[in-house]
Amino acid sequence: MIGGIGTPEIILIVAVIVLLFGASKLPELARSAGKSAGEFKKAQKEAEISYQQFENSLKDTTPMEKETKIQKMAKDQGIETAGKTDDQLLDEISAKMNKEN
C-alpha cells in the first residue's frame, strides 16, 4: 500500500485510463508525462542554480560595492562619511546645499 492507495485502486485507475484513452494512446501519454516531468526537473534545477549564484554574488560583494548612493553623493560633495548613517549624511548634504544657495 503506497500512501493509502492499494493494488485494487491502482488497477481501477489503469482500467479507467485505458477506457478513456484507448490502449494505443497509453505509450504517447506515458511519453508526454515523462517529458513533462523531465522539463519540470530541469527548470527546478536551473532555478536552484540561479538562486545559488544570487546568494554567492551577495556574499562576494566588496566594501566599495556596499557603498550607498547617499554615501557616494556625500563623498562627491567633500563630506566625511566614516561612522555616519545615511540619515546623518542626508542632513549634511542638505545643509551644504542650503549654504551654497
C-alpha atoms as a PDB file:
ATOM      1  CA  MET A   1       0.000   0.000   0.000  1.00  0.00           C
ATOM      2  CA  ILE A   2       1.509   3.303  -1.128  1.00  0.00           C
ATOM      3  CA  GLY A   3       0.153   6.473   0.521  1.00  0.00           C
ATOM      4  CA  GLY A   4      -3.313   4.986   1.038  1.00  0.00           C
ATOM      5  CA  ILE A   5      -3.575   3.586  -2.497  1.00  0.00           C
ATOM      6  CA  GLY A   6      -3.545  -0.211  -2.744  1.00  0.00           C
ATOM      7  CA  THR A   7      -3.369  -2.649  -5.623  1.00  0.00           C
ATOM      8  CA  PRO A   8      -7.130  -2.666  -6.327  1.00  0.00           C
ATOM      9  CA  GLU A   9      -7.198   1.119  -6.607  1.00  0.00           C
ATOM     10  CA  ILE A  10      -4.215   1.172  -8.982  1.00  0.00           C
ATOM     11  CA  ILE A  11      -5.838  -1.495 -11.180  1.00  0.00           C
ATOM     12  CA  LEU A  12      -9.059   0.542 -11.262  1.00  0.00           C
ATOM     13  CA  ILE A  13      -7.195   3.735 -12.203  1.00  0.00           C
ATOM     14  CA  VAL A  14      -5.295   1.979 -15.011  1.00  0.00           C
ATOM     15  CA  ALA A  15      -8.553   0.434 -16.289  1.00  0.00           C
ATOM     16  CA  VAL A  16     -10.264   3.844 -16.370  1.00  0.00           C
ATOM     17  CA  ILE A  17      -7.317   5.364 -18.233  1.00  0.00           C
ATOM     18  CA  VAL A  18      -7.370   2.551 -20.793  1.00  0.00           C
ATOM     19  CA  LEU A  19     -11.135   3.020 -21.282  1.00  0.00           C
ATOM     20  CA  LEU A  20     -10.831   6.807 -21.638  1.00  0.00           C
ATOM     21  CA  PHE A  21      -7.831   6.986 -23.943  1.00  0.00           C
ATOM     22  CA  GLY A  22      -7.587   3.553 -25.517  1.00  0.00           C
ATOM     23  CA  ALA A  23      -4.633   1.188 -25.382  1.00  0.00           C
ATOM     24  CA  SER A  24      -2.965   2.788 -28.420  1.00  0.00           C
ATOM     25  CA  LYS A  25      -2.698   6.186 -26.682  1.00  0.00           C
ATOM     26  CA  LEU A  26      -1.082   4.888 -23.482  1.00  0.00           C
ATOM     27  CA  PRO A  27       2.535   4.965 -24.752  1.00  0.00           C
ATOM     28  CA  GLU A  28       2.013   8.520 -26.029  1.00  0.00           C
ATOM     29  CA  LEU A  29       0.539   9.605 -22.682  1.00  0.00           C
ATOM     30  CA  ALA A  30       3.404   7.987 -20.781  1.00  0.00           C
ATOM     31  CA  ARG A  31       5.940   9.684 -23.072  1.00  0.00           C
ATOM     32  CA  SER A  32       4.257  13.068 -22.580  1.00  0.00           C
ATOM     33  CA  ALA A  33       4.159  12.583 -18.819  1.00  0.00           C
ATOM     34  CA  GLY A  34       7.856  11.660 -18.806  1.00  0.00           C
ATOM     35  CA  LYS A  35       8.797  14.704 -20.896  1.00  0.00           C
ATOM     36  CA  SER A  36       6.759  16.972 -18.613  1.00  0.00           C
ATOM     37  CA  ALA A  37       8.433  15.544 -15.521  1.00  0.00           C
ATOM     38  CA  GLY A  38      11.853  15.966 -17.143  1.00  0.00           C
ATOM     39  CA  GLU A  39      11.147  19.596 -18.086  1.00  0.00           C
ATOM     40  CA  PHE A  40       9.928  20.313 -14.565  1.00  0.00           C
ATOM     41  CA  LYS A  41      13.060  18.832 -13.010  1.00  0.00           C
ATOM     42  CA  LYS A  42      15.245  20.778 -15.464  1.00  0.00           C
ATOM     43  CA  ALA A  43      13.505  24.069 -14.628  1.00  0.00           C
ATOM     44  CA  GLN A  44      13.751  23.314 -10.914  1.00  0.00           C
ATOM     45  CA  LYS A  45      17.495  22.634 -11.212  1.00  0.00           C
ATOM     46  CA  GLU A  46      18.031  25.855 -13.192  1.00  0.00           C
ATOM     47  CA  ALA A  47      16.138  27.838 -10.547  1.00  0.00           C
ATOM     48  CA  GLU A  48      18.253  26.304  -7.776  1.00  0.00           C
ATOM     49  CA  ILE A  49      21.475  27.144  -9.644  1.00  0.00           C
ATOM     50  CA  SER A  50      20.276  30.697 -10.276  1.00  0.00           C
ATOM     51  CA  TYR A  51      19.393  31.117  -6.596  1.00  0.00           C
ATOM     52  CA  GLN A  52      22.812  29.799  -5.517  1.00  0.00           C
ATOM     53  CA  GLN A  53      24.558  32.218  -7.897  1.00  0.00           C
ATOM     54  CA  PHE A  54      22.494  35.091  -6.492  1.00  0.00           C
ATOM     55  CA  GLU A  55      23.373  34.118  -2.909  1.00  0.00           C
ATOM     56  CA  ASN A  56      27.059  33.841  -3.811  1.00  0.00           C
ATOM     57  CA  SER A  57      27.025  37.245  -5.505  1.00  0.00           C
ATOM     58  CA  LEU A  58      25.660  38.796  -2.312  1.00  0.00           C
ATOM     59  CA  LYS A  59      28.412  37.196  -0.246  1.00  0.00           C
ATOM     60  CA  ASP A  60      31.161  38.245  -2.648  1.00  0.00           C
ATOM     61  CA  THR A  61      30.460  41.978  -2.663  1.00  0.00           C
ATOM     62  CA  THR A  62      33.409  44.201  -1.923  1.00  0.00           C
ATOM     63  CA  PRO A  63      33.170  47.085   0.547  1.00  0.00           C
ATOM     64  CA  MET A  64      33.112  49.517  -2.386  1.00  0.00           C
ATOM     65  CA  GLU A  65      30.016  47.824  -3.829  1.00  0.00           C
ATOM     66  CA  LYS A  66      28.250  48.158  -0.467  1.00  0.00           C
ATOM     67  CA  GLU A  67      28.576  51.930  -0.607  1.00  0.00           C
ATOM     68  CA  THR A  68      25.156  53.520  -0.906  1.00  0.00           C
ATOM     69  CA  LYS A  69      24.218  56.249  -3.341  1.00  0.00           C
ATOM     70  CA  ILE A  70      23.889  58.645  -0.419  1.00  0.00           C
ATOM     71  CA  GLN A  71      27.435  57.891   0.729  1.00  0.00           C
ATOM     72  CA  LYS A  72      28.709  58.410  -2.806  1.00  0.00           C
ATOM     73  CA  MET A  73      26.857  61.727  -3.080  1.00  0.00           C
ATOM     74  CA  ALA A  74      28.297  62.875   0.262  1.00  0.00           C
ATOM     75  CA  LYS A  75      31.844  61.965  -0.799  1.00  0.00           C
ATOM     76  CA  ASP A  76      31.350  63.833  -4.080  1.00  0.00           C
ATOM     77  CA  GLN A  77      30.485  66.935  -2.050  1.00  0.00           C
ATOM     78  CA  GLY A  78      33.512  66.530   0.210  1.00  0.00           C
ATOM     79  CA  ILE A  79      31.618  65.311   3.275  1.00  0.00           C
ATOM     80  CA  GLU A  80      33.318  62.741   5.511  1.00  0.00           C
ATOM     81  CA  THR A  81      31.194  59.562   5.602  1.00  0.00           C
ATOM     82  CA  ALA A  82      33.013  57.412   8.162  1.00  0.00           C
ATOM     83  CA  GLY A  83      30.771  56.311  11.039  1.00  0.00           C
ATOM     84  CA  LYS A  84      27.715  58.245   9.845  1.00  0.00           C
ATOM     85  CA  THR A  85      24.307  56.880   8.970  1.00  0.00           C
ATOM     86  CA  ASP A  86      22.595  57.660   5.689  1.00  0.00           C
ATOM     87  CA  ASP A  87      20.168  59.943   7.541  1.00  0.00           C
ATOM     88  CA  GLN A  88      23.038  61.950   9.038  1.00  0.00           C
ATOM     89  CA  LEU A  89      24.664  62.200   5.633  1.00  0.00           C
ATOM     90  CA  LEU A  90      21.399  63.393   4.063  1.00  0.00           C
ATOM     91  CA  ASP A  91      21.162  66.118   6.703  1.00  0.00           C
ATOM     92  CA  GLU A  92      24.732  67.240   5.987  1.00  0.00           C
ATOM     93  CA  ILE A  93      24.176  67.181   2.229  1.00  0.00           C
ATOM     94  CA  SER A  94      21.008  69.217   2.634  1.00  0.00           C
ATOM     95  CA  ALA A  95      22.739  71.730   4.907  1.00  0.00           C
ATOM     96  CA  LYS A  96      25.650  72.099   2.496  1.00  0.00           C
ATOM     97  CA  MET A  97      23.301  72.640  -0.450  1.00  0.00           C
ATOM     98  CA  ASN A  98      21.357  75.285   1.512  1.00  0.00           C
ATOM     99  CA  LYS A  99      24.600  77.151   2.325  1.00  0.00           C
ATOM    100  CA  GLU A 100      25.570  77.174  -1.340  1.00  0.00           C
ATOM    101  CA  ASN A 101      22.207  78.638  -2.362  1.00  0.00           C
END
